Amino acid sequence: MNSKFEEYFSSLKHKKIAVLGLGVSNRPLVRLLLEYGCDVTGCDKTPRDKLDAEVLALEQAGCKLRVGEGYLDGVEADILFRTPGMHPSNPAIEALRSRGAEVTSEMEVFFEVCPCTLLAVTGSDGKTTTTTLISEMLKAAGKTVWLGGNIGTPLLPLVRQMQESDYAVVELSSFQLMDMKRSPARAVITNLAPNHLDIHKDMAEYVEAKTNIFRHQDEKGLLILNADNAITAGFKGNGTTRFFSRQKEADICLKDGVICRHGEKVLPVADILIPGVHNVENYMAAIAMVEGLVDDDTIRHVAKTFGGVEHRIELVRIKDGARFYNDSIASSPSRTIAGLRSFPEKVILIAGGYDKHIPYDVLGPEVCAHVKKLFLGGATGEKIRQAVISCPEYDPETLEIVDCGSFEPAVRAAAAAAKAGDVVLMSPASAAFDQFKNFMVRGEFYKKLIKEL
């Protein structure tokens, strides 16, 4: 039994605990707290008649529910577990803090009680692929690996099964990092660009949150940064800082089509199965992260066999000679730009969705350079169209723009326009929340539509 884990949860027994948000990561947490005999109140804005069976089962198990409108009014607690999507300066959280409540999160506690070596990844783009690559490399080297965090699996309930010799590989969002007071042994920031400005008060706060991934490292910590990104190039860790670069000399860099580490050849780019120069960067970050833990032959084996992560330039179907790709993860312009640059030919692009209040001007020139037909839907459709038509490079003769209103008509219109040899790329440059629960649901719906053609 993990003594830190046991000690922590036993110490909560006579405390009043409020869990804010009853989404995927907090449900196992509520079950754990109930198992240890805690007095738990679960708070969620979802009205009672819309609650799913799993949340109602928590109530049956002893969790007091406060749901629907006013769910945070008058909440009392000694300890507050914040859901990642809730800003730490939310008035209800501030009020509880002022009354002496300790504010923490499922991820903060995981970092406190985890017995094994922690490796974590954050960034604006490439987090999930880089996190997965690190995990795949460690597993291929025979290590026991626990993969989770923002990538989907809540790790806290699994701590009791973890051994000191294991590795926990964690993807962290800016929301999870905002008030983190611990950092992993090894950390990667893939890159930083404007994102989530609908939640963060400004870009400075977003960047500040991301730096928490290394802020609390000691002199033994390892920080890996992108030298080609203007923001991350200026960071420095408390321990060893290593840089990767596709464009210049660095600790991990490209030489004659080969990724080199400290001047030694590690991986020919031609061996990487997944497309796109952004994935070369993801491999560089992963190679830096596993230095001393995974041998180069194992890294090369992973590169030749790893087929990518779902919803990330995922080939869905080849129909009548046209290739249909699902890049639903692309919820920002920089992500879609990376997708567009992955193909040598001009593509048919499906874009638009929920508006996160981020600028789209950078997308315009890239669409003009890489797209022959653009099908738009959702709240950001008009923003994207304006970004394209305001470009000096825009030529209506060579780039057709079709406003379709919403997602499904845009997909159907793009599919109808596709001919043999075409690439149809669904890469929205926008979040999914205007129509879908998340990017995964959007991706599944796209795949269903394409498979039904």
Protein backbone atom coordinates (compact mmCIF):
# COMPACT_ATOMS: atom_id res chain seq x y z
CA MET A 1 0.00 0.00 0.00
CA ASN A 2 1.29 3.47 -0.91
CA SER A 3 1.86 5.16 2.45
CA LYS A 4 1.62 8.74 1.11
CA PHE A 5 -1.70 7.91 -0.54
CA GLU A 6 -3.04 6.22 2.58
CA GLU A 7 -1.86 9.05 4.81
CA TYR A 8 -3.41 11.74 2.61
CA PHE A 9 -6.86 10.19 2.28
CA SER A 10 -6.99 9.10 5.92
CA SER A 11 -6.28 12.73 6.93
CA LEU A 12 -9.48 13.85 5.16
CA LYS A 13 -11.82 11.63 7.17
CA HIS A 14 -13.35 14.31 9.40
CA LYS A 15 -13.17 17.18 6.89
CA LYS A 16 -15.99 18.69 4.86
CA ILE A 17 -15.09 18.26 1.21
CA ALA A 18 -16.63 19.92 -1.84
CA VAL A 19 -15.85 18.60 -5.33
CA LEU A 20 -16.59 21.26 -7.96
CA GLY A 21 -17.52 19.65 -11.26
CA LEU A 22 -18.59 16.03 -11.63
CA GLY A 23 -16.93 15.31 -14.98
CA VAL A 24 -14.72 12.37 -15.95
CA SER A 25 -11.70 13.20 -13.75
CA ASN A 26 -13.62 14.01 -10.57
CA ARG A 27 -15.98 11.01 -10.42
CA PRO A 28 -13.30 8.48 -9.39
CA LEU A 29 -12.10 11.10 -6.89
CA VAL A 30 -15.58 11.26 -5.28
CA ARG A 31 -15.66 7.45 -5.06
CA LEU A 32 -12.24 7.46 -3.36
CA LEU A 33 -13.30 10.12 -0.85
CA LEU A 34 -16.47 8.16 -0.02
CA GLU A 35 -14.41 4.97 0.38
CA TYR A 36 -12.34 6.78 3.05
CA GLY A 37 -15.50 7.86 4.90
CA CYS A 38 -15.34 11.54 3.94
CA ASP A 39 -18.24 14.01 4.07
CA VAL A 40 -18.48 14.85 0.34
CA THR A 41 -20.63 17.39 -1.51
CA GLY A 42 -20.55 17.17 -5.30
CA CYS A 43 -21.33 20.44 -7.12
CA ASP A 44 -22.19 20.62 -10.81
CA LYS A 45 -24.07 23.10 -13.00
CA THR A 46 -25.88 20.27 -14.86
CA PRO A 47 -29.58 20.28 -13.80
CA ARG A 48 -30.79 17.17 -11.97
CA ASP A 49 -32.96 15.95 -14.86
CA LYS A 50 -29.89 15.92 -17.14
CA LEU A 51 -27.56 14.04 -14.75
CA ASP A 52 -26.30 10.70 -16.01
CA ALA A 53 -26.56 7.41 -14.14
CA GLU A 54 -22.96 7.50 -12.89
CA VAL A 55 -23.49 10.81 -11.04
CA LEU A 56 -26.77 9.58 -9.52
CA ALA A 57 -24.90 6.45 -8.37
CA LEU A 58 -22.47 8.73 -6.49
CA GLU A 59 -25.47 10.17 -4.64
CA GLN A 60 -26.65 6.66 -3.78
CA ALA A 61 -23.16 5.95 -2.41
CA GLY A 62 -23.40 8.91 -0.02
CA CYS A 63 -22.28 12.00 -1.97
CA LYS A 64 -24.52 15.04 -1.35
CA LEU A 65 -25.38 16.67 -4.68
CA ARG A 66 -25.77 20.40 -5.36
CA VAL A 67 -26.70 20.74 -9.01
CA GLY A 68 -28.30 23.10 -11.51
CA GLU A 69 -28.63 26.85 -11.18
CA GLY A 70 -27.04 28.29 -8.04
CA TYR A 71 -25.07 25.06 -7.46
CA LEU A 72 -22.22 27.04 -5.84
CA ASP A 73 -24.39 29.24 -3.62
CA GLY A 74 -23.59 28.80 0.07
CA VAL A 75 -21.25 25.83 -0.36
CA GLU A 76 -19.25 25.13 2.80
CA ALA A 77 -16.05 23.12 2.86
CA ASP A 78 -12.69 22.65 4.54
CA ILE A 79 -11.18 21.36 1.30
CA LEU A 80 -12.27 22.22 -2.21
CA PHE A 81 -11.37 20.13 -5.28
CA ARG A 82 -11.55 22.40 -8.34
CA THR A 83 -12.47 21.00 -11.75
CA PRO A 84 -9.85 21.97 -14.39
CA GLY A 85 -12.38 24.02 -16.40
CA MET A 86 -13.21 26.32 -13.48
CA HIS A 87 -11.02 29.40 -13.09
CA PRO A 88 -9.29 29.52 -9.65
CA SER A 89 -10.50 33.11 -9.21
CA ASN A 90 -14.17 32.14 -9.66
CA PRO A 91 -16.09 34.22 -7.04
CA ALA A 92 -17.47 31.09 -5.31
CA ILE A 93 -13.94 29.65 -4.99
CA GLU A 94 -12.59 33.00 -3.75
CA ALA A 95 -15.39 33.18 -1.15
CA LEU A 96 -14.59 29.70 0.18
CA ARG A 97 -10.86 30.46 0.20
CA SER A 98 -11.49 33.64 2.22
CA ARG A 99 -13.37 31.52 4.77
CA GLY A 100 -10.31 29.29 5.19
CA ALA A 101 -11.00 26.48 2.69
CA GLU A 102 -7.97 24.81 1.11
CA VAL A 103 -8.30 24.76 -2.70
CA THR A 104 -6.71 21.84 -4.54
CA SER A 105 -7.42 19.52 -7.50
CA GLU A 106 -7.34 15.86 -8.41
CA MET A 107 -4.10 16.43 -10.38
CA GLU A 108 -2.42 18.37 -7.54
CA VAL A 109 -3.13 15.51 -5.13
CA PHE A 110 -1.90 12.96 -7.68
CA PHE A 111 1.42 14.81 -7.90
CA GLU A 112 1.62 14.80 -4.10
CA VAL A 113 1.00 11.07 -3.56
CA CYS A 114 2.40 9.50 -6.78
CA PRO A 115 5.20 7.06 -5.81
CA CYS A 116 6.85 6.80 -9.24
CA THR A 117 8.85 9.07 -11.58
CA LEU A 118 6.63 11.79 -13.07
CA LEU A 119 7.09 12.94 -16.67
CA ALA A 120 4.71 15.64 -17.91
CA VAL A 121 3.94 17.42 -21.18
CA THR A 122 2.14 20.68 -21.89
CA GLY A 123 1.97 23.15 -24.79
CA SER A 124 -0.54 24.64 -27.21
CA ASP A 125 -0.13 21.96 -29.89
CA GLY A 126 1.30 18.45 -29.98
CA LYS A 127 0.72 17.60 -26.29
CA THR A 128 -1.20 14.37 -26.79
CA THR A 129 1.01 12.95 -29.53
CA THR A 130 4.19 13.82 -27.60
CA THR A 131 2.79 12.35 -24.37
CA THR A 132 1.76 9.19 -26.21
CA LEU A 133 5.16 8.87 -27.93
CA ILE A 134 6.99 9.11 -24.59
CA SER A 135 4.68 6.44 -23.17
CA GLU A 136 5.14 4.16 -26.21
CA MET A 137 8.93 4.49 -26.07
CA LEU A 138 9.08 3.69 -22.35
CA LYS A 139 6.71 0.72 -22.77
CA ALA A 140 8.74 -0.59 -25.71
CA ALA A 141 11.81 -0.39 -23.45
CA GLY A 142 10.06 -2.70 -20.96
CA LYS A 143 9.04 -0.10 -18.37
CA THR A 144 5.69 -0.08 -16.56
CA VAL A 145 3.95 3.12 -17.67
CA TRP A 146 0.83 4.92 -16.42
CA LEU A 147 -0.53 7.29 -19.06
CA GLY A 148 -3.11 9.92 -18.13
CA GLY A 149 -4.01 13.45 -17.11
CA ASN A 150 -5.61 15.60 -19.81
CA ILE A 151 -5.28 12.62 -22.16
CA GLY A 152 -8.29 10.99 -20.52
CA THR A 153 -7.47 8.50 -17.75
CA PRO A 154 -7.76 9.81 -14.16
CA LEU A 155 -4.59 8.53 -12.48
CA LEU A 156 -5.29 9.24 -8.80
CA PRO A 157 -7.36 6.05 -8.20
CA LEU A 158 -4.56 3.98 -9.78
CA VAL A 159 -1.85 5.21 -7.38
CA ARG A 160 -2.37 2.18 -5.11
CA GLN A 161 -1.17 -0.09 -7.95
CA MET A 162 1.91 1.98 -8.82
CA GLN A 163 5.46 0.96 -7.91
CA GLU A 164 8.42 3.25 -7.29
CA SER A 165 10.17 1.87 -10.40
CA ASP A 166 7.22 2.78 -12.69
CA TYR A 167 6.75 5.91 -14.79
CA ALA A 168 3.68 8.18 -14.87
CA VAL A 169 3.45 10.07 -18.17
CA VAL A 170 0.98 12.92 -17.85
CA GLU A 171 -0.50 15.44 -20.28
CA LEU A 172 -1.34 18.72 -18.54
CA SER A 173 -3.61 21.52 -19.77
CA SER A 174 -3.22 25.17 -18.80
CA PHE A 175 -6.35 24.76 -16.63
CA GLN A 176 -4.80 21.89 -14.68
CA LEU A 177 -1.54 23.84 -14.28
CA MET A 178 -3.03 27.17 -13.19
CA ASP A 179 -2.62 26.69 -9.46
CA MET A 180 -0.25 23.69 -9.38
CA LYS A 181 2.35 23.88 -6.62
CA ARG A 182 4.34 20.83 -7.74
CA SER A 183 6.26 20.02 -10.91
CA PRO A 184 7.32 16.70 -12.48
CA ALA A 185 10.88 15.32 -12.55
CA ARG A 186 10.97 15.85 -16.33
CA ALA A 187 8.84 18.35 -18.25
CA VAL A 188 8.24 19.29 -21.90
CA ILE A 189 6.59 22.44 -23.28
CA THR A 190 6.01 21.66 -26.96
CA ASN A 191 5.23 25.27 -28.02
CA LEU A 192 2.99 28.17 -26.98
CA ALA A 193 0.51 30.17 -29.08
CA PRO A 194 -2.77 32.01 -28.25
CA ASN A 195 -5.34 29.49 -26.97
CA HIS A 196 -8.21 29.22 -24.46
CA LEU A 197 -8.56 33.00 -24.23
CA ASP A 198 -12.28 32.43 -23.58
CA ILE A 199 -11.26 31.11 -20.10
CA HIS A 200 -7.91 32.79 -19.36
CA LYS A 201 -8.16 36.52 -18.78
CA ASP A 202 -5.30 37.17 -21.21
CA MET A 203 -2.33 35.58 -22.97
CA ALA A 204 -0.01 36.44 -20.08
CA GLU A 205 -2.12 34.36 -17.67
CA TYR A 206 -2.15 31.44 -20.15
CA VAL A 207 1.67 31.51 -20.46
CA GLU A 208 2.05 31.90 -16.67
CA ALA A 209 -0.08 28.77 -16.12
CA LYS A 210 2.07 26.76 -18.53
CA THR A 211 5.30 27.70 -16.69
CA ASN A 212 4.00 25.94 -13.56
CA ILE A 213 5.06 22.69 -15.24
CA PHE A 214 8.70 23.55 -14.36
CA ARG A 215 8.43 26.35 -11.77
CA HIS A 216 8.62 23.93 -8.80
CA GLN A 217 11.38 21.66 -10.17
CA ASP A 218 14.64 21.50 -8.19
CA GLU A 219 18.21 21.39 -9.55
CA LYS A 220 17.69 17.71 -10.52
CA GLY A 221 14.77 18.61 -12.80
CA LEU A 222 14.88 18.34 -16.61
CA LEU A 223 13.04 20.87 -18.78
CA ILE A 224 12.70 20.41 -22.56
CA LEU A 225 11.76 23.43 -24.68
CA ASN A 226 11.11 24.34 -28.33
CA ALA A 227 13.89 26.68 -29.52
CA ASP A 228 11.85 27.58 -32.63
CA ASN A 229 8.94 29.01 -30.61
CA ALA A 230 9.38 32.67 -29.63
CA ILE A 231 7.81 32.21 -26.18
CA THR A 232 9.38 28.92 -25.04
CA ALA A 233 12.83 29.91 -26.39
CA GLY A 234 13.03 32.47 -23.57
CA PHE A 235 12.33 30.04 -20.70
CA LYS A 236 14.93 28.49 -18.41
CA GLY A 237 14.43 25.70 -15.88
CA ASN A 238 15.76 25.37 -12.33
CA GLY A 239 17.80 22.29 -13.25
CA THR A 240 18.89 21.10 -16.73
CA THR A 241 17.26 22.87 -19.68
CA ARG A 242 17.44 21.26 -23.13
CA PHE A 243 16.20 22.72 -26.41
CA PHE A 244 14.97 21.01 -29.58
CA SER A 245 14.87 22.70 -32.98
CA ARG A 246 13.94 21.87 -36.54
CA GLN A 247 15.54 25.08 -37.81
CA LYS A 248 18.82 25.60 -35.98
CA GLU A 249 21.59 23.97 -33.96
CA ALA A 250 20.28 22.72 -30.58
CA ASP A 251 20.58 19.83 -28.09
CA ILE A 252 18.15 17.88 -30.30
CA CYS A 253 18.10 19.06 -33.91
CA LEU A 254 17.89 18.03 -37.57
CA LYS A 255 20.99 17.27 -39.63
CA ASP A 256 20.62 15.97 -43.20
CA GLY A 257 17.16 14.54 -42.51
CA VAL A 258 18.18 12.83 -39.24
CA ILE A 259 17.15 13.79 -35.70
CA CYS A 260 20.37 14.12 -33.69
CA ARG A 261 20.80 14.33 -29.91
CA HIS A 262 23.99 16.08 -28.72
CA GLY A 263 25.39 15.62 -32.24
CA GLU A 264 24.73 11.84 -32.33
CA LYS A 265 22.34 10.42 -34.97
CA VAL A 266 19.18 8.94 -33.41
CA LEU A 267 16.30 8.80 -35.90
CA PRO A 268 16.03 9.34 -39.68
CA VAL A 269 12.93 11.46 -40.35
CA ALA A 270 12.05 9.05 -43.19
CA ASP A 271 11.46 6.34 -40.53
CA ILE A 272 8.61 8.31 -38.90
CA LEU A 273 5.32 6.72 -39.92
CA ILE A 274 2.97 9.62 -39.00
CA PRO A 275 2.88 12.57 -41.47
CA GLY A 276 3.78 16.22 -40.93
CA VAL A 277 6.76 18.31 -39.83
CA HIS A 278 4.99 19.01 -36.52
CA ASN A 279 5.34 15.30 -35.74
CA VAL A 280 9.11 15.58 -36.32
CA GLU A 281 9.05 18.19 -33.51
CA ASN A 282 6.93 15.86 -31.34
CA TYR A 283 9.55 13.11 -31.84
CA MET A 284 12.35 15.53 -30.95
CA ALA A 285 10.61 16.45 -27.68
CA ALA A 286 9.98 12.77 -26.85
CA ILE A 287 13.59 11.79 -27.68
CA ALA A 288 14.85 14.52 -25.32
CA MET A 289 12.45 13.36 -22.59
CA VAL A 290 13.49 9.68 -22.64
CA GLU A 291 17.26 10.33 -22.74
CA GLY A 292 18.96 7.78 -20.52
CA LEU A 293 15.74 5.73 -20.17
CA VAL A 294 15.22 4.32 -23.70
CA ASP A 295 17.86 3.16 -26.20
CA ASP A 296 17.96 4.46 -29.78
CA ASP A 297 16.99 1.12 -31.39
CA THR A 298 13.75 1.19 -29.36
CA ILE A 299 13.08 4.79 -30.44
CA ARG A 300 13.50 3.78 -34.10
CA HIS A 301 11.20 0.79 -33.64
CA VAL A 302 8.44 3.04 -32.23
CA ALA A 303 8.87 5.54 -35.10
CA LYS A 304 8.42 2.81 -37.72
CA THR A 305 5.36 1.24 -36.06
CA PHE A 306 3.41 4.00 -34.27
CA GLY A 307 0.40 4.97 -36.42
CA GLY A 308 -0.67 8.11 -34.56
CA VAL A 309 -3.40 9.17 -32.15
CA GLU A 310 -7.09 9.18 -33.05
CA HIS A 311 -8.51 12.55 -34.29
CA ARG A 312 -5.03 13.80 -35.26
CA ILE A 313 -4.70 13.75 -39.07
CA GLU A 314 -6.30 10.30 -38.91
CA LEU A 315 -7.00 8.67 -42.28
CA VAL A 316 -10.70 7.74 -42.13
CA ARG A 317 -11.39 6.40 -45.59
CA ILE A 318 -10.31 6.36 -49.22
CA LYS A 319 -13.41 6.62 -51.41
CA ASP A 320 -13.36 6.86 -55.21
CA GLY A 321 -9.70 7.84 -55.00
CA ALA A 322 -10.25 10.71 -52.50
CA ARG A 323 -8.63 10.52 -49.04
CA PHE A 324 -10.65 11.75 -46.04
CA TYR A 325 -8.76 12.81 -42.90
CA ASN A 326 -10.07 13.54 -39.40
CA ASP A 327 -8.10 16.26 -37.59
CA SER A 328 -10.80 17.15 -35.06
CA ILE A 329 -8.16 17.86 -32.39
CA ALA A 330 -7.31 21.06 -34.32
CA SER A 331 -9.18 23.53 -32.12
CA SER A 332 -6.85 26.47 -32.84
CA PRO A 333 -5.41 28.09 -36.00
CA SER A 334 -1.85 26.92 -35.24
CA ARG A 335 -3.07 23.33 -35.07
CA THR A 336 -4.85 23.57 -38.43
CA ILE A 337 -1.78 25.23 -39.97
CA ALA A 338 0.29 22.20 -38.89
CA GLY A 339 -2.31 19.92 -40.50
CA LEU A 340 -2.31 21.86 -43.77
CA ARG A 341 1.49 21.74 -43.95
CA SER A 342 1.42 17.93 -43.61
CA PHE A 343 0.25 17.48 -47.21
CA PRO A 344 2.27 18.28 -50.36
CA GLU A 345 -0.90 18.95 -52.38
CA LYS A 346 -3.59 21.61 -51.93
CA VAL A 347 -6.50 20.19 -49.92
CA ILE A 348 -10.25 20.57 -49.52
CA LEU A 349 -10.62 21.99 -46.01
CA ILE A 350 -13.60 21.80 -43.63
CA ALA A 351 -13.24 24.44 -40.88
CA GLY A 352 -15.13 26.48 -38.27
CA GLY A 353 -16.78 25.84 -34.90
CA TYR A 354 -17.04 27.32 -31.41
CA ASP A 355 -15.41 30.73 -30.89
CA LYS A 356 -12.68 30.79 -28.20
CA HIS A 357 -12.04 34.50 -28.92
CA ILE A 358 -8.63 33.94 -30.45
CA PRO A 359 -7.32 35.74 -33.58
CA TYR A 360 -7.56 34.01 -36.97
CA ASP A 361 -5.42 36.35 -39.10
CA VAL A 362 -2.47 33.86 -39.12
CA LEU A 363 -4.70 31.25 -40.78
CA GLY A 364 -5.49 33.35 -43.86
CA PRO A 365 -2.14 33.09 -45.72
CA GLU A 366 -1.86 29.37 -44.91
CA VAL A 367 -5.31 28.65 -46.33
CA CYS A 368 -4.41 30.61 -49.48
CA ALA A 369 -1.20 28.58 -49.83
CA HIS A 370 -2.54 25.09 -49.02
CA VAL A 371 -6.30 24.97 -49.78
CA LYS A 372 -8.20 24.83 -53.07
CA LYS A 373 -11.75 24.65 -51.63
CA LEU A 374 -12.81 25.86 -48.19
CA PHE A 375 -16.08 24.72 -46.60
CA LEU A 376 -17.08 26.69 -43.49
CA GLY A 377 -19.58 26.15 -40.67
CA GLY A 378 -20.05 27.28 -37.06
CA ALA A 379 -19.50 30.48 -35.12
CA THR A 380 -15.94 31.06 -36.39
CA GLY A 381 -16.80 30.46 -40.07
CA GLU A 382 -17.11 34.18 -40.83
CA LYS A 383 -13.89 35.00 -38.91
CA ILE A 384 -11.99 32.42 -40.96
CA ARG A 385 -13.50 33.70 -44.23
CA GLN A 386 -12.50 37.28 -43.37
CA ALA A 387 -8.96 36.14 -42.49
CA VAL A 388 -8.68 34.49 -45.91
CA ILE A 389 -10.25 37.15 -48.15
CA SER A 390 -8.26 39.96 -46.49
CA CYS A 391 -4.99 38.27 -47.55
CA PRO A 392 -3.08 39.83 -50.47
CA GLU A 393 -2.53 36.23 -51.70
CA TYR A 394 -6.26 35.46 -51.90
CA ASP A 395 -7.46 34.63 -55.40
CA PRO A 396 -11.16 33.72 -55.76
CA GLU A 397 -10.33 32.01 -59.08
CA THR A 398 -8.12 29.40 -57.36
CA LEU A 399 -9.73 29.21 -53.89
CA GLU A 400 -13.45 28.61 -53.63
CA ILE A 401 -15.07 29.49 -50.26
CA VAL A 402 -18.45 27.99 -49.36
CA ASP A 403 -20.34 29.12 -46.22
CA CYS A 404 -22.41 26.12 -45.09
CA GLY A 405 -23.80 27.41 -41.77
CA SER A 406 -22.96 24.41 -39.61
CA PHE A 407 -20.78 21.31 -39.38
CA GLU A 408 -22.77 18.56 -41.11
CA PRO A 409 -23.67 20.55 -44.26
CA ALA A 410 -20.00 21.57 -44.55
CA VAL A 411 -18.87 17.93 -44.38
CA ARG A 412 -21.45 16.81 -46.93
CA ALA A 413 -20.64 19.65 -49.34
CA ALA A 414 -16.89 18.96 -49.09
CA ALA A 415 -17.42 15.24 -49.70
CA ALA A 416 -19.59 15.99 -52.74
CA ALA A 417 -16.87 18.25 -54.17
CA ALA A 418 -14.09 15.65 -53.76
CA LYS A 419 -12.66 13.89 -56.82
CA ALA A 420 -10.07 11.13 -57.27
CA GLY A 421 -6.69 12.25 -55.92
CA ASP A 422 -8.14 14.88 -53.56
CA VAL A 423 -7.37 15.17 -49.84
CA VAL A 424 -10.38 16.21 -47.73
CA LEU A 425 -9.20 17.47 -44.35
CA MET A 426 -11.58 18.21 -41.46
CA SER A 427 -9.39 20.51 -39.36
CA PRO A 428 -11.69 23.12 -37.80
CA ALA A 429 -9.20 25.61 -36.21
CA SER A 430 -11.95 25.96 -33.59
CA ALA A 431 -13.31 24.19 -30.52
CA ALA A 432 -16.29 21.84 -30.87
CA PHE A 433 -18.58 23.20 -28.14
CA ASP A 434 -21.01 25.00 -30.49
CA GLN A 435 -22.45 21.62 -31.50
CA PHE A 436 -20.55 18.85 -29.73
CA LYS A 437 -19.51 17.86 -26.21
CA ASN A 438 -15.84 17.85 -27.25
CA PHE A 439 -13.48 17.36 -30.22
CA MET A 440 -13.69 13.54 -29.87
CA VAL A 441 -17.48 13.50 -30.34
CA ARG A 442 -17.04 15.84 -33.35
CA GLY A 443 -14.39 13.50 -34.78
CA GLU A 444 -16.59 10.42 -34.31
CA PHE A 445 -19.52 12.18 -36.00
CA TYR A 446 -17.30 13.16 -38.94
CA LYS A 447 -16.06 9.58 -39.29
CA LYS A 448 -19.63 8.30 -39.21
CA LEU A 449 -20.67 10.73 -41.98
CA ILE A 450 -17.66 9.79 -44.14
CA LYS A 451 -18.14 6.04 -43.64
CA GLU A 452 -21.81 6.38 -44.67
CA LEU A 453 -20.96 8.06 -48.02
